[in-house]
Amino acid sequence: MEYPIKGDVALIKAFRADTVGNLVYRKTARNFGPVMATAASITIVQVSEIVQPGGIDPEVVITPGIFVDRIVKIAGVSPVAEAGAAG
């Protein structure tokens, strides 16, 4: 039997978050971000944009805010510029 991995801290990057901690990812960040957020005791998220609650459509939320402990916004990086550079 394989036991699940339990991390102390998960550092993940998301595209957008609301102030409650609901997350939206872009591209390959969606592969491991949600899994690590649920596996760690403390989850710290780096985002490009923070919006008010209700600013994210509930249908596109990938990680619910219950798994997020801290949100850090990157200064000087616009979400539109980040989306264009990666695309």
Protein backbone atom coordinates (compact mmCIF):
# COMPACT_ATOMS: atom_id res chain seq x y z
CA MET A 1 0.00 0.00 0.00
CA GLU A 2 1.31 3.42 -0.95
CA TYR A 3 0.62 6.18 1.53
CA PRO A 4 -0.18 9.69 0.22
CA ILE A 5 2.41 12.45 0.22
CA LYS A 6 1.80 15.09 2.87
CA GLY A 7 3.74 18.33 2.50
CA ASP A 8 4.28 20.96 5.15
CA VAL A 9 4.21 23.91 2.76
CA ALA A 10 3.11 24.20 -0.87
CA LEU A 11 4.29 27.15 -2.97
CA ILE A 12 2.10 27.37 -6.05
CA LYS A 13 1.44 29.88 -8.81
CA ALA A 14 -2.02 30.75 -10.08
CA PHE A 15 -3.24 33.21 -12.66
CA ARG A 16 -5.99 34.87 -10.64
CA ALA A 17 -7.35 34.70 -7.09
CA ASP A 18 -10.10 36.40 -5.19
CA THR A 19 -9.62 37.70 -1.67
CA VAL A 20 -11.20 34.52 -0.27
CA GLY A 21 -8.56 32.33 -1.95
CA ASN A 22 -10.43 30.76 -4.88
CA LEU A 23 -7.89 30.13 -7.65
CA VAL A 24 -7.83 30.05 -11.43
CA TYR A 25 -4.80 28.58 -13.22
CA ARG A 26 -3.43 28.89 -16.73
CA LYS A 27 -1.93 26.17 -18.89
CA THR A 28 0.37 23.66 -17.13
CA ALA A 29 0.06 25.27 -13.69
CA ARG A 30 -3.25 23.42 -13.54
CA ASN A 31 -1.45 20.05 -13.44
CA PHE A 32 0.14 20.18 -9.99
CA GLY A 33 -1.20 23.34 -8.32
CA PRO A 34 -4.54 21.91 -7.19
CA VAL A 35 -3.00 18.63 -6.05
CA MET A 36 -0.30 20.31 -3.97
CA ALA A 37 -2.78 22.79 -2.48
CA THR A 38 -4.83 19.90 -1.13
CA ALA A 39 -1.81 17.87 0.04
CA ALA A 40 -0.01 20.54 2.08
CA SER A 41 -0.64 21.84 5.57
CA ILE A 42 0.06 25.44 4.49
CA THR A 43 -0.52 26.72 0.95
CA ILE A 44 1.03 29.97 -0.26
CA VAL A 45 -0.10 31.18 -3.68
CA GLN A 46 1.63 33.63 -6.02
CA VAL A 47 -0.85 35.41 -8.32
CA SER A 48 -0.84 38.12 -10.97
CA GLU A 49 -4.24 39.51 -10.08
CA ILE A 50 -6.45 39.58 -6.98
CA VAL A 51 -10.14 40.36 -7.45
CA GLN A 52 -13.03 40.82 -5.06
CA PRO A 53 -15.24 37.85 -4.10
CA GLY A 54 -17.64 37.20 -6.96
CA GLY A 55 -15.11 38.48 -9.50
CA ILE A 56 -14.35 34.92 -10.61
CA ASP A 57 -17.03 32.81 -12.24
CA PRO A 58 -17.66 29.82 -9.93
CA GLU A 59 -17.58 27.50 -12.94
CA VAL A 60 -13.89 28.27 -13.60
CA VAL A 61 -12.59 28.01 -10.02
CA ILE A 62 -10.11 25.13 -9.88
CA THR A 63 -8.93 25.32 -6.26
CA PRO A 64 -11.42 26.48 -3.62
CA GLY A 65 -10.30 29.00 -1.05
CA ILE A 66 -10.52 26.51 1.81
CA PHE A 67 -7.14 25.09 0.75
CA VAL A 68 -5.35 28.47 0.50
CA ASP A 69 -3.67 30.06 3.51
CA ARG A 70 -1.77 33.01 2.02
CA ILE A 71 -1.96 34.97 -1.25
CA VAL A 72 0.96 37.00 -2.59
CA LYS A 73 0.42 39.38 -5.52
CA ILE A 74 3.36 39.98 -7.84
CA ALA A 75 3.89 43.70 -8.32
CA GLY A 76 4.61 45.06 -11.78
CA VAL A 77 3.29 42.07 -13.77
CA SER A 78 0.00 42.65 -15.53
CA PRO A 79 -2.19 39.57 -16.04
CA VAL A 80 -2.68 40.55 -19.68
CA ALA A 81 1.08 40.84 -20.31
CA GLU A 82 1.66 37.48 -18.59
CA ALA A 83 -1.04 35.81 -20.68
CA GLY A 84 0.37 37.25 -23.91
CA ALA A 85 3.98 36.31 -23.13
CA ALA A 86 3.11 32.70 -22.43
CA GLY A 87 0.81 32.28 -25.42
